[in-house]
Amino acid sequence: MNIKEQVSQEAFAALTDQERYFERITPRIEKLKFNEQLSCIFIRFVDNETPIAESLFYPIEAVWSFLDTARNYYKSPESKLTAEEIEKFAFNDSVNMFCIMLRNIYPRVAATLNSITDETINEWYRQEHQRHRAYCSRQGIITTDDEIFYKEIRNKIINDHSKEVKNVWEGEQKNFKNYQNMRFAEEYEKLSEHWDTISLLYRRKRDWLGYAKRDDFQDTPDDLLDEMKGSHHRGMSLKALEHSARRVGLINPDCIDEEILEKRKSGIQASGFCDSTLYTYLSEGKRLIEQLKEIQKTAPPEPKRLAE
């Protein structure tokens, strides 16, 4: 989320008045634990149009809903899962749902706070207009009724809010893809070196098979290793790409290649992506990693407009 925890009470007490002010108008998020059974999340919402709002969010009701949803998902009539297996899968999926919510709760609530500011201003104008009409009417002056105009403005504000909410969830889809691409690039850095070493040992007639399955690389695909016995000149980088794709779960559900489909039927999780597509994902992942490093180097700017 790129939002830091709030400073400790001791650190806050040591700040100057101006530093305390800036701390108070800086977005924060933090988990608070009251006891072994009850936790909550502290969030401070800050935006250009958002009222500075601090909230204690108790997620237990949402978590219960996530658990019920996941349990029902696995309790299909044809399911052969045991009660223990269902509970295990439901727990893992509930964690995933909770992470999705946590990643998006800040922009989602901020969008609502921005919208309600505009909605409030529009409603104030509407009420003020009605008061003006009533005042003029008492003086015997007829004024136009602009109720339709204010309703149109309100509808536009709400429609804009709907678009912003839609953007939040489309952003989640993009963020998930970006995250997967970054993981793909990180795995490739390790696996590229791994496959280069396999190639070197193969050429020197050393125990390349034993090395290939060493610790942390026990998932080295047998079908890719088998290619070494044939024409291993296909390229170690391509093997590293496919290995990386399998590690992070990159898979092409639209693949219709018979050879790939047969591999999948036999239990081999072939990605089904062509080499050029995997290279595109790799380039994008590397770009995002470098971009993230630059962001982390840059200190957040002081909110000068709010200070003024």
C-alpha atoms as a PDB file:
ATOM      1  CA  MET A   1       0.000   0.000   0.000  1.00  0.00           C
ATOM      2  CA  ASN A   2       3.048   2.265   0.394  1.00  0.00           C
ATOM      3  CA  ILE A   3       1.487   3.765   3.550  1.00  0.00           C
ATOM      4  CA  LYS A   4       3.626   3.691   6.695  1.00  0.00           C
ATOM      5  CA  GLU A   5       2.599   2.980  10.272  1.00  0.00           C
ATOM      6  CA  GLN A   6       2.030   5.888  12.597  1.00  0.00           C
ATOM      7  CA  VAL A   7       4.926   6.917  14.813  1.00  0.00           C
ATOM      8  CA  SER A   8       5.103   5.684  18.396  1.00  0.00           C
ATOM      9  CA  GLN A   9       3.878   7.861  21.257  1.00  0.00           C
ATOM     10  CA  GLU A  10       7.470   8.396  22.403  1.00  0.00           C
ATOM     11  CA  ALA A  11       8.590   9.487  18.929  1.00  0.00           C
ATOM     12  CA  PHE A  12       5.530  11.743  18.540  1.00  0.00           C
ATOM     13  CA  ALA A  13       6.244  13.429  21.885  1.00  0.00           C
ATOM     14  CA  ALA A  14       9.778  14.247  20.706  1.00  0.00           C
ATOM     15  CA  LEU A  15       8.549  16.079  17.581  1.00  0.00           C
ATOM     16  CA  THR A  16       8.287  19.846  17.270  1.00  0.00           C
ATOM     17  CA  ASP A  17       4.850  21.440  16.925  1.00  0.00           C
ATOM     18  CA  GLN A  18       5.293  21.770  13.161  1.00  0.00           C
ATOM     19  CA  GLU A  19       6.469  18.146  12.840  1.00  0.00           C
ATOM     20  CA  ARG A  20       3.463  16.992  14.868  1.00  0.00           C
ATOM     21  CA  TYR A  21       1.197  18.925  12.543  1.00  0.00           C
ATOM     22  CA  PHE A  22       2.662  17.260   9.465  1.00  0.00           C
ATOM     23  CA  GLU A  23       2.431  13.878  11.167  1.00  0.00           C
ATOM     24  CA  ARG A  24      -1.249  14.491  11.867  1.00  0.00           C
ATOM     25  CA  ILE A  25      -1.973  15.105   8.173  1.00  0.00           C
ATOM     26  CA  THR A  26       0.065  12.162   6.845  1.00  0.00           C
ATOM     27  CA  PRO A  27      -1.715   8.963   5.720  1.00  0.00           C
ATOM     28  CA  ARG A  28      -1.105   6.093   8.137  1.00  0.00           C
ATOM     29  CA  ILE A  29      -2.174   2.485   8.615  1.00  0.00           C
ATOM     30  CA  GLU A  30      -1.424   0.177  11.516  1.00  0.00           C
ATOM     31  CA  LYS A  31      -2.656  -3.012  13.146  1.00  0.00           C
ATOM     32  CA  LEU A  32      -3.636  -2.679  16.797  1.00  0.00           C
ATOM     33  CA  LYS A  33      -4.125  -5.665  19.091  1.00  0.00           C
ATOM     34  CA  PHE A  34      -6.269  -5.209  22.190  1.00  0.00           C
ATOM     35  CA  ASN A  35      -5.980  -8.816  23.348  1.00  0.00           C
ATOM     36  CA  GLU A  36      -5.418 -12.317  21.953  1.00  0.00           C
ATOM     37  CA  GLN A  37      -8.932 -12.438  20.470  1.00  0.00           C
ATOM     38  CA  LEU A  38      -9.513  -8.905  19.218  1.00  0.00           C
ATOM     39  CA  SER A  39      -7.526  -6.868  16.702  1.00  0.00           C
ATOM     40  CA  CYS A  40      -8.376  -3.799  14.665  1.00  0.00           C
ATOM     41  CA  ILE A  41      -6.810  -1.611  11.997  1.00  0.00           C
ATOM     42  CA  PHE A  42      -6.100   2.095  12.443  1.00  0.00           C
ATOM     43  CA  ILE A  43      -6.323   4.120   9.223  1.00  0.00           C
ATOM     44  CA  ARG A  44      -5.848   7.842   8.656  1.00  0.00           C
ATOM     45  CA  PHE A  45      -7.345   9.014   5.356  1.00  0.00           C
ATOM     46  CA  VAL A  46      -5.841  12.134   3.762  1.00  0.00           C
ATOM     47  CA  ASP A  47      -6.381  13.455   0.233  1.00  0.00           C
ATOM     48  CA  ASN A  48      -6.797  16.755  -1.577  1.00  0.00           C
ATOM     49  CA  GLU A  49     -10.568  16.779  -1.083  1.00  0.00           C
ATOM     50  CA  THR A  50     -10.867  14.124   1.623  1.00  0.00           C
ATOM     51  CA  PRO A  51     -11.616  15.254   5.153  1.00  0.00           C
ATOM     52  CA  ILE A  52      -8.731  14.109   7.351  1.00  0.00           C
ATOM     53  CA  ALA A  53     -10.419  11.085   8.898  1.00  0.00           C
ATOM     54  CA  GLU A  54      -9.051   8.593  11.415  1.00  0.00           C
ATOM     55  CA  SER A  55     -10.815   5.278  11.688  1.00  0.00           C
ATOM     56  CA  LEU A  56     -10.549   2.138  13.806  1.00  0.00           C
ATOM     57  CA  PHE A  57     -11.690  -0.691  11.553  1.00  0.00           C
ATOM     58  CA  TYR A  58     -12.739  -3.980  13.182  1.00  0.00           C
ATOM     59  CA  PRO A  59     -12.549  -6.574  10.375  1.00  0.00           C
ATOM     60  CA  ILE A  60     -14.016  -9.541  12.276  1.00  0.00           C
ATOM     61  CA  GLU A  61     -17.438  -9.328  10.566  1.00  0.00           C
ATOM     62  CA  ALA A  62     -15.790  -9.194   7.147  1.00  0.00           C
ATOM     63  CA  VAL A  63     -13.550 -12.154   8.032  1.00  0.00           C
ATOM     64  CA  TRP A  64     -16.563 -14.225   9.089  1.00  0.00           C
ATOM     65  CA  SER A  65     -18.180 -13.455   5.736  1.00  0.00           C
ATOM     66  CA  PHE A  66     -14.980 -14.460   3.943  1.00  0.00           C
ATOM     67  CA  LEU A  67     -14.892 -17.770   5.840  1.00  0.00           C
ATOM     68  CA  ASP A  68     -18.561 -18.519   5.089  1.00  0.00           C
ATOM     69  CA  THR A  69     -18.039 -17.719   1.405  1.00  0.00           C
ATOM     70  CA  ALA A  70     -14.939 -19.937   1.144  1.00  0.00           C
ATOM     71  CA  ARG A  71     -16.551 -22.832   3.044  1.00  0.00           C
ATOM     72  CA  ASN A  72     -19.615 -22.762   0.807  1.00  0.00           C
ATOM     73  CA  TYR A  73     -17.331 -22.641  -2.231  1.00  0.00           C
ATOM     74  CA  TYR A  74     -15.734 -25.956  -1.285  1.00  0.00           C
ATOM     75  CA  LYS A  75     -18.935 -27.627   0.007  1.00  0.00           C
ATOM     76  CA  SER A  76     -20.222 -28.485  -3.464  1.00  0.00           C
ATOM     77  CA  PRO A  77     -22.301 -31.691  -3.839  1.00  0.00           C
ATOM     78  CA  GLU A  78     -19.554 -33.386  -5.864  1.00  0.00           C
ATOM     79  CA  SER A  79     -16.773 -32.371  -3.444  1.00  0.00           C
ATOM     80  CA  LYS A  80     -14.779 -35.208  -1.874  1.00  0.00           C
ATOM     81  CA  LEU A  81     -12.931 -32.977   0.563  1.00  0.00           C
ATOM     82  CA  THR A  82     -12.986 -33.778   4.269  1.00  0.00           C
ATOM     83  CA  ALA A  83     -14.215 -31.245   6.823  1.00  0.00           C
ATOM     84  CA  GLU A  84     -10.598 -30.615   7.883  1.00  0.00           C
ATOM     85  CA  GLU A  85      -9.504 -30.000   4.279  1.00  0.00           C
ATOM     86  CA  ILE A  86     -12.420 -27.635   3.674  1.00  0.00           C
ATOM     87  CA  GLU A  87     -11.516 -25.657   6.793  1.00  0.00           C
ATOM     88  CA  LYS A  88      -7.861 -25.465   5.739  1.00  0.00           C
ATOM     89  CA  PHE A  89      -8.692 -24.236   2.222  1.00  0.00           C
ATOM     90  CA  ALA A  90     -11.338 -21.847   3.572  1.00  0.00           C
ATOM     91  CA  PHE A  91      -8.807 -20.323   5.967  1.00  0.00           C
ATOM     92  CA  ASN A  92      -6.234 -19.773   3.208  1.00  0.00           C
ATOM     93  CA  ASP A  93      -8.814 -18.230   0.870  1.00  0.00           C
ATOM     94  CA  SER A  94     -10.121 -15.999   3.659  1.00  0.00           C
ATOM     95  CA  VAL A  95      -6.597 -14.677   4.131  1.00  0.00           C
ATOM     96  CA  ASN A  96      -6.456 -13.928   0.400  1.00  0.00           C
ATOM     97  CA  MET A  97      -9.799 -12.096   0.518  1.00  0.00           C
ATOM     98  CA  PHE A  98      -8.674 -10.135   3.563  1.00  0.00           C
ATOM     99  CA  CYS A  99      -5.491  -9.058   1.739  1.00  0.00           C
ATOM    100  CA  ILE A 100      -7.563  -7.925  -1.254  1.00  0.00           C
ATOM    101  CA  MET A 101      -9.743  -5.845   1.058  1.00  0.00           C
ATOM    102  CA  LEU A 102      -6.757  -4.394   2.911  1.00  0.00           C
ATOM    103  CA  ARG A 103      -5.041  -3.396  -0.335  1.00  0.00           C
ATOM    104  CA  ASN A 104      -8.133  -1.565  -1.547  1.00  0.00           C
ATOM    105  CA  ILE A 105      -9.801  -0.217   1.582  1.00  0.00           C
ATOM    106  CA  TYR A 106      -7.805   3.037   1.565  1.00  0.00           C
ATOM    107  CA  PRO A 107      -8.569   4.139  -2.033  1.00  0.00           C
ATOM    108  CA  ARG A 108     -12.131   2.805  -1.729  1.00  0.00           C
ATOM    109  CA  VAL A 109     -12.957   4.806   1.416  1.00  0.00           C
ATOM    110  CA  ALA A 110     -11.011   7.840   0.160  1.00  0.00           C
ATOM    111  CA  ALA A 111     -13.173   7.820  -2.970  1.00  0.00           C
ATOM    112  CA  THR A 112     -16.288   7.811  -0.797  1.00  0.00           C
ATOM    113  CA  LEU A 113     -15.001  10.672   1.366  1.00  0.00           C
ATOM    114  CA  ASN A 114     -14.170  12.731  -1.718  1.00  0.00           C
ATOM    115  CA  SER A 115     -17.605  12.095  -3.156  1.00  0.00           C
ATOM    116  CA  ILE A 116     -19.494  12.949   0.029  1.00  0.00           C
ATOM    117  CA  THR A 117     -17.712  16.310   0.162  1.00  0.00           C
ATOM    118  CA  ASP A 118     -19.024  17.175  -3.313  1.00  0.00           C
ATOM    119  CA  GLU A 119     -22.446  15.691  -2.530  1.00  0.00           C
ATOM    120  CA  THR A 120     -22.673  17.816   0.610  1.00  0.00           C
ATOM    121  CA  ILE A 121     -21.793  21.022  -1.248  1.00  0.00           C
ATOM    122  CA  ASN A 122     -24.414  20.256  -3.887  1.00  0.00           C
ATOM    123  CA  GLU A 123     -27.049  19.498  -1.237  1.00  0.00           C
ATOM    124  CA  TRP A 124     -26.236  22.748   0.560  1.00  0.00           C
ATOM    125  CA  TYR A 125     -26.787  24.671  -2.677  1.00  0.00           C
ATOM    126  CA  ARG A 126     -30.108  22.855  -3.174  1.00  0.00           C
ATOM    127  CA  GLN A 127     -31.334  23.643   0.349  1.00  0.00           C
ATOM    128  CA  GLU A 128     -30.130  27.238   0.087  1.00  0.00           C
ATOM    129  CA  HIS A 129     -32.013  27.639  -3.186  1.00  0.00           C
ATOM    130  CA  GLN A 130     -35.187  26.305  -1.559  1.00  0.00           C
ATOM    131  CA  ARG A 131     -34.788  28.761   1.330  1.00  0.00           C
ATOM    132  CA  HIS A 132     -34.303  31.586  -1.188  1.00  0.00           C
ATOM    133  CA  ARG A 133     -37.452  30.560  -3.091  1.00  0.00           C
ATOM    134  CA  ALA A 134     -39.428  30.447   0.162  1.00  0.00           C
ATOM    135  CA  TYR A 135     -38.142  33.917   1.125  1.00  0.00           C
ATOM    136  CA  CYS A 136     -39.009  35.357  -2.291  1.00  0.00           C
ATOM    137  CA  SER A 137     -42.438  33.721  -2.187  1.00  0.00           C
ATOM    138  CA  ARG A 138     -43.194  35.482   1.111  1.00  0.00           C
ATOM    139  CA  GLN A 139     -42.422  38.762  -0.679  1.00  0.00           C
ATOM    140  CA  GLY A 140     -44.770  37.890  -3.531  1.00  0.00           C
ATOM    141  CA  ILE A 141     -41.870  37.216  -5.924  1.00  0.00           C
ATOM    142  CA  ILE A 142     -41.993  34.147  -8.180  1.00  0.00           C
ATOM    143  CA  THR A 143     -38.654  32.333  -8.741  1.00  0.00           C
ATOM    144  CA  THR A 144     -37.803  29.318 -10.859  1.00  0.00           C
ATOM    145  CA  ASP A 145     -37.589  25.873  -9.327  1.00  0.00           C
ATOM    146  CA  ASP A 146     -34.082  24.505 -10.033  1.00  0.00           C
ATOM    147  CA  GLU A 147     -34.653  21.184  -8.224  1.00  0.00           C
ATOM    148  CA  ILE A 148     -34.062  19.218 -11.443  1.00  0.00           C
ATOM    149  CA  PHE A 149     -30.766  21.042 -11.998  1.00  0.00           C
ATOM    150  CA  TYR A 150     -29.426  20.079  -8.541  1.00  0.00           C
ATOM    151  CA  LYS A 151     -30.591  16.484  -8.971  1.00  0.00           C
ATOM    152  CA  GLU A 152     -28.694  16.323 -12.274  1.00  0.00           C
ATOM    153  CA  ILE A 153     -25.565  17.627 -10.543  1.00  0.00           C
ATOM    154  CA  ARG A 154     -26.023  15.056  -7.759  1.00  0.00           C
ATOM    155  CA  ASN A 155     -26.417  12.248 -10.299  1.00  0.00           C
ATOM    156  CA  LYS A 156     -23.245  13.392 -12.046  1.00  0.00           C
ATOM    157  CA  ILE A 157     -21.331  13.388  -8.747  1.00  0.00           C
ATOM    158  CA  ILE A 158     -22.587   9.887  -7.921  1.00  0.00           C
ATOM    159  CA  ASN A 159     -21.771   8.645 -11.433  1.00  0.00           C
ATOM    160  CA  ASP A 160     -18.260  10.062 -11.114  1.00  0.00           C
ATOM    161  CA  HIS A 161     -17.981   8.278  -7.769  1.00  0.00           C
ATOM    162  CA  SER A 162     -19.090   5.011  -9.384  1.00  0.00           C
ATOM    163  CA  LYS A 163     -16.371   5.395 -12.006  1.00  0.00           C
ATOM    164  CA  GLU A 164     -13.794   6.022  -9.289  1.00  0.00           C
ATOM    165  CA  VAL A 165     -14.912   2.904  -7.406  1.00  0.00           C
ATOM    166  CA  LYS A 166     -14.668   0.938 -10.655  1.00  0.00           C
ATOM    167  CA  ASN A 167     -11.137   2.269 -11.122  1.00  0.00           C
ATOM    168  CA  VAL A 168     -10.223   0.994  -7.651  1.00  0.00           C
ATOM    169  CA  TRP A 169     -11.132  -2.579  -8.572  1.00  0.00           C
ATOM    170  CA  GLU A 170      -9.607  -2.348 -12.028  1.00  0.00           C
ATOM    171  CA  GLY A 171      -6.489  -1.134 -10.254  1.00  0.00           C
ATOM    172  CA  GLU A 172      -6.555  -4.274  -8.085  1.00  0.00           C
ATOM    173  CA  GLN A 173      -6.588  -6.373 -11.238  1.00  0.00           C
ATOM    174  CA  LYS A 174      -3.638  -4.406 -12.616  1.00  0.00           C
ATOM    175  CA  ASN A 175      -1.771  -4.507  -9.299  1.00  0.00           C
ATOM    176  CA  PHE A 176      -2.142  -8.293  -9.118  1.00  0.00           C
ATOM    177  CA  LYS A 177      -0.705  -8.614 -12.613  1.00  0.00           C
ATOM    178  CA  ASN A 178       2.121  -6.209 -11.766  1.00  0.00           C
ATOM    179  CA  TYR A 179       2.900  -8.161  -8.596  1.00  0.00           C
ATOM    180  CA  GLN A 180       3.033 -11.408 -10.549  1.00  0.00           C
ATOM    181  CA  ASN A 181       5.329  -9.864 -13.166  1.00  0.00           C
ATOM    182  CA  MET A 182       7.678  -8.571 -10.470  1.00  0.00           C
ATOM    183  CA  ARG A 183       7.804 -11.987  -8.832  1.00  0.00           C
ATOM    184  CA  PHE A 184       8.432 -13.479 -12.272  1.00  0.00           C
ATOM    185  CA  ALA A 185      11.402 -11.137 -12.829  1.00  0.00           C
ATOM    186  CA  GLU A 186      12.807 -11.860  -9.363  1.00  0.00           C
ATOM    187  CA  GLU A 187      12.579 -15.629  -9.872  1.00  0.00           C
ATOM    188  CA  TYR A 188      14.159 -15.342 -13.306  1.00  0.00           C
ATOM    189  CA  GLU A 189      17.247 -13.659 -11.829  1.00  0.00           C
ATOM    190  CA  LYS A 190      17.813 -16.715  -9.626  1.00  0.00           C
ATOM    191  CA  LEU A 191      16.781 -19.354 -12.134  1.00  0.00           C
ATOM    192  CA  SER A 192      18.777 -17.881 -15.007  1.00  0.00           C
ATOM    193  CA  GLU A 193      21.972 -18.412 -13.024  1.00  0.00           C
ATOM    194  CA  HIS A 194      20.723 -21.858 -11.983  1.00  0.00           C
ATOM    195  CA  TRP A 195      20.198 -22.991 -15.579  1.00  0.00           C
ATOM    196  CA  ASP A 196      23.503 -21.501 -16.736  1.00  0.00           C
ATOM    197  CA  THR A 197      25.251 -23.628 -14.103  1.00  0.00           C
ATOM    198  CA  ILE A 198      23.327 -26.714 -15.245  1.00  0.00           C
ATOM    199  CA  SER A 199      24.480 -26.045 -18.802  1.00  0.00           C
ATOM    200  CA  LEU A 200      28.087 -25.597 -17.673  1.00  0.00           C
ATOM    201  CA  LEU A 201      28.061 -28.881 -15.719  1.00  0.00           C
ATOM    202  CA  TYR A 202      26.407 -30.659 -18.649  1.00  0.00           C
ATOM    203  CA  ARG A 203      29.119 -29.544 -21.051  1.00  0.00           C
ATOM    204  CA  ARG A 204      31.836 -30.600 -18.607  1.00  0.00           C
ATOM    205  CA  LYS A 205      30.116 -33.975 -18.081  1.00  0.00           C
ATOM    206  CA  ARG A 206      29.657 -33.378 -14.376  1.00  0.00           C
ATOM    207  CA  ASP A 207      26.662 -34.376 -12.192  1.00  0.00           C
ATOM    208  CA  TRP A 208      24.322 -31.794 -13.677  1.00  0.00           C
ATOM    209  CA  LEU A 209      21.183 -33.764 -12.751  1.00  0.00           C
ATOM    210  CA  GLY A 210      22.201 -33.912  -9.099  1.00  0.00           C
ATOM    211  CA  TYR A 211      22.913 -30.198  -9.079  1.00  0.00           C
ATOM    212  CA  ALA A 212      19.614 -29.380 -10.804  1.00  0.00           C
ATOM    213  CA  LYS A 213      17.581 -30.774  -7.891  1.00  0.00           C
ATOM    214  CA  ARG A 214      19.589 -29.283  -5.028  1.00  0.00           C
ATOM    215  CA  ASP A 215      18.000 -27.368  -2.150  1.00  0.00           C
ATOM    216  CA  ASP A 216      15.759 -24.468  -3.186  1.00  0.00           C
ATOM    217  CA  PHE A 217      15.626 -25.864  -6.737  1.00  0.00           C
ATOM    218  CA  GLN A 218      13.860 -29.170  -6.182  1.00  0.00           C
ATOM    219  CA  ASP A 219      11.044 -27.902  -8.406  1.00  0.00           C
ATOM    220  CA  THR A 220      13.348 -27.864 -11.469  1.00  0.00           C
ATOM    221  CA  PRO A 221      10.999 -29.357 -14.119  1.00  0.00           C
ATOM    222  CA  ASP A 222      11.927 -32.838 -15.328  1.00  0.00           C
ATOM    223  CA  ASP A 223      10.563 -32.164 -18.812  1.00  0.00           C
ATOM    224  CA  LEU A 224      12.931 -29.207 -19.201  1.00  0.00           C
ATOM    225  CA  LEU A 225      15.826 -31.302 -17.897  1.00  0.00           C
ATOM    226  CA  ASP A 226      14.954 -34.029 -20.401  1.00  0.00           C
ATOM    227  CA  GLU A 227      15.483 -31.503 -23.175  1.00  0.00           C
ATOM    228  CA  MET A 228      19.121 -31.335 -22.102  1.00  0.00           C
ATOM    229  CA  LYS A 229      19.576 -34.902 -23.297  1.00  0.00           C
ATOM    230  CA  GLY A 230      18.450 -33.846 -26.735  1.00  0.00           C
ATOM    231  CA  SER A 231      19.076 -30.414 -28.152  1.00  0.00           C
ATOM    232  CA  HIS A 232      19.861 -28.383 -25.045  1.00  0.00           C
ATOM    233  CA  HIS A 233      20.920 -25.511 -27.295  1.00  0.00           C
ATOM    234  CA  ARG A 234      17.288 -24.313 -27.261  1.00  0.00           C
ATOM    235  CA  GLY A 235      18.651 -21.887 -24.729  1.00  0.00           C
ATOM    236  CA  MET A 236      19.077 -21.847 -20.983  1.00  0.00           C
ATOM    237  CA  SER A 237      17.390 -18.461 -20.791  1.00  0.00           C
ATOM    238  CA  LEU A 238      14.222 -19.925 -22.314  1.00  0.00           C
ATOM    239  CA  LYS A 239      14.275 -22.800 -19.829  1.00  0.00           C
ATOM    240  CA  ALA A 240      14.730 -20.276 -17.018  1.00  0.00           C
ATOM    241  CA  LEU A 241      11.780 -18.277 -18.354  1.00  0.00           C
ATOM    242  CA  GLU A 242       9.476 -21.304 -18.392  1.00  0.00           C
ATOM    243  CA  HIS A 243      10.705 -22.458 -14.976  1.00  0.00           C
ATOM    244  CA  SER A 244      10.074 -18.978 -13.541  1.00  0.00           C
ATOM    245  CA  ALA A 245       6.586 -18.860 -15.055  1.00  0.00           C
ATOM    246  CA  ARG A 246       5.697 -22.154 -13.408  1.00  0.00           C
ATOM    247  CA  ARG A 247       7.068 -21.012 -10.063  1.00  0.00           C
ATOM    248  CA  VAL A 248       4.856 -17.920  -9.902  1.00  0.00           C
ATOM    249  CA  GLY A 249       1.797 -19.599 -11.433  1.00  0.00           C
ATOM    250  CA  LEU A 250       1.801 -17.824 -14.787  1.00  0.00           C
ATOM    251  CA  ILE A 251      -0.430 -19.853 -17.075  1.00  0.00           C
ATOM    252  CA  ASN A 252      -2.170 -19.221 -20.369  1.00  0.00           C
ATOM    253  CA  PRO A 253      -5.734 -20.566 -20.047  1.00  0.00           C
ATOM    254  CA  ASP A 254      -6.346 -19.908 -23.744  1.00  0.00           C
ATOM    255  CA  CYS A 255      -3.509 -22.159 -24.897  1.00  0.00           C
ATOM    256  CA  ILE A 256      -4.704 -24.777 -27.418  1.00  0.00           C
ATOM    257  CA  ASP A 257      -1.318 -26.306 -28.248  1.00  0.00           C
ATOM    258  CA  GLU A 258      -1.814 -30.103 -28.111  1.00  0.00           C
ATOM    259  CA  GLU A 259       1.652 -30.750 -26.695  1.00  0.00           C
ATOM    260  CA  ILE A 260       1.092 -28.268 -23.860  1.00  0.00           C
ATOM    261  CA  LEU A 261      -2.370 -29.676 -23.128  1.00  0.00           C
ATOM    262  CA  GLU A 262      -0.981 -33.209 -22.950  1.00  0.00           C
ATOM    263  CA  LYS A 263       1.675 -32.040 -20.513  1.00  0.00           C
ATOM    264  CA  ARG A 264      -0.964 -30.461 -18.306  1.00  0.00           C
ATOM    265  CA  LYS A 265      -3.069 -33.629 -18.370  1.00  0.00           C
ATOM    266  CA  SER A 266      -0.028 -35.565 -17.137  1.00  0.00           C
ATOM    267  CA  GLY A 267       0.439 -33.119 -14.239  1.00  0.00           C
ATOM    268  CA  ILE A 268       3.097 -30.838 -15.732  1.00  0.00           C
ATOM    269  CA  GLN A 269       2.053 -27.209 -15.175  1.00  0.00           C
ATOM    270  CA  ALA A 270       3.383 -25.846 -18.480  1.00  0.00           C
ATOM    271  CA  SER A 271       2.742 -22.111 -18.807  1.00  0.00           C
ATOM    272  CA  GLY A 272       1.549 -22.271 -22.419  1.00  0.00           C
ATOM    273  CA  PHE A 273       2.979 -18.829 -23.184  1.00  0.00           C
ATOM    274  CA  CYS A 274       5.254 -18.265 -26.163  1.00  0.00           C
ATOM    275  CA  ASP A 275       8.820 -17.115 -25.534  1.00  0.00           C
ATOM    276  CA  SER A 276       8.159 -13.550 -26.725  1.00  0.00           C
ATOM    277  CA  THR A 277       5.243 -13.151 -24.298  1.00  0.00           C
ATOM    278  CA  LEU A 278       7.351 -14.370 -21.376  1.00  0.00           C
ATOM    279  CA  TYR A 279      10.109 -11.940 -22.350  1.00  0.00           C
ATOM    280  CA  THR A 280       7.506  -9.150 -22.348  1.00  0.00           C
ATOM    281  CA  TYR A 281       6.394 -10.119 -18.835  1.00  0.00           C
ATOM    282  CA  LEU A 282      10.041 -10.247 -17.759  1.00  0.00           C
ATOM    283  CA  SER A 283      10.778  -6.754 -19.125  1.00  0.00           C
ATOM    284  CA  GLU A 284       7.656  -5.357 -17.465  1.00  0.00           C
ATOM    285  CA  GLY A 285       8.553  -6.982 -14.155  1.00  0.00           C
ATOM    286  CA  LYS A 286      12.075  -5.551 -14.233  1.00  0.00           C
ATOM    287  CA  ARG A 287      10.721  -2.102 -15.076  1.00  0.00           C
ATOM    288  CA  LEU A 288       8.279  -2.225 -12.148  1.00  0.00           C
ATOM    289  CA  ILE A 289      10.990  -3.349  -9.727  1.00  0.00           C
ATOM    290  CA  GLU A 290      13.217  -0.423 -10.730  1.00  0.00           C
ATOM    291  CA  GLN A 291      10.261   1.956 -10.503  1.00  0.00           C
ATOM    292  CA  LEU A 292       9.439   0.708  -7.013  1.00  0.00           C
ATOM    293  CA  LYS A 293      13.044   1.177  -5.908  1.00  0.00           C
ATOM    294  CA  GLU A 294      12.951   4.786  -7.104  1.00  0.00           C
ATOM    295  CA  ILE A 295       9.689   5.423  -5.257  1.00  0.00           C
ATOM    296  CA  GLN A 296      11.127   3.986  -2.046  1.00  0.00           C
ATOM    297  CA  LYS A 297      14.166   6.262  -2.358  1.00  0.00           C
ATOM    298  CA  THR A 298      12.006   9.351  -2.637  1.00  0.00           C
ATOM    299  CA  ALA A 299      10.736  10.845   0.613  1.00  0.00           C
ATOM    300  CA  PRO A 300       7.067  11.866   0.547  1.00  0.00           C
ATOM    301  CA  PRO A 301       6.712  15.613  -0.108  1.00  0.00           C
ATOM    302  CA  GLU A 302       5.510  17.885   2.645  1.00  0.00           C
ATOM    303  CA  PRO A 303       1.803  18.682   2.271  1.00  0.00           C
ATOM    304  CA  LYS A 304       2.439  22.380   1.656  1.00  0.00           C
ATOM    305  CA  ARG A 305      -1.037  23.155   0.348  1.00  0.00           C
ATOM    306  CA  LEU A 306      -2.654  21.823   3.515  1.00  0.00           C
ATOM    307  CA  ALA A 307      -0.091  23.611   5.663  1.00  0.00           C
ATOM    308  CA  GLU A 308      -0.867  26.909   3.983  1.00  0.00           C
END
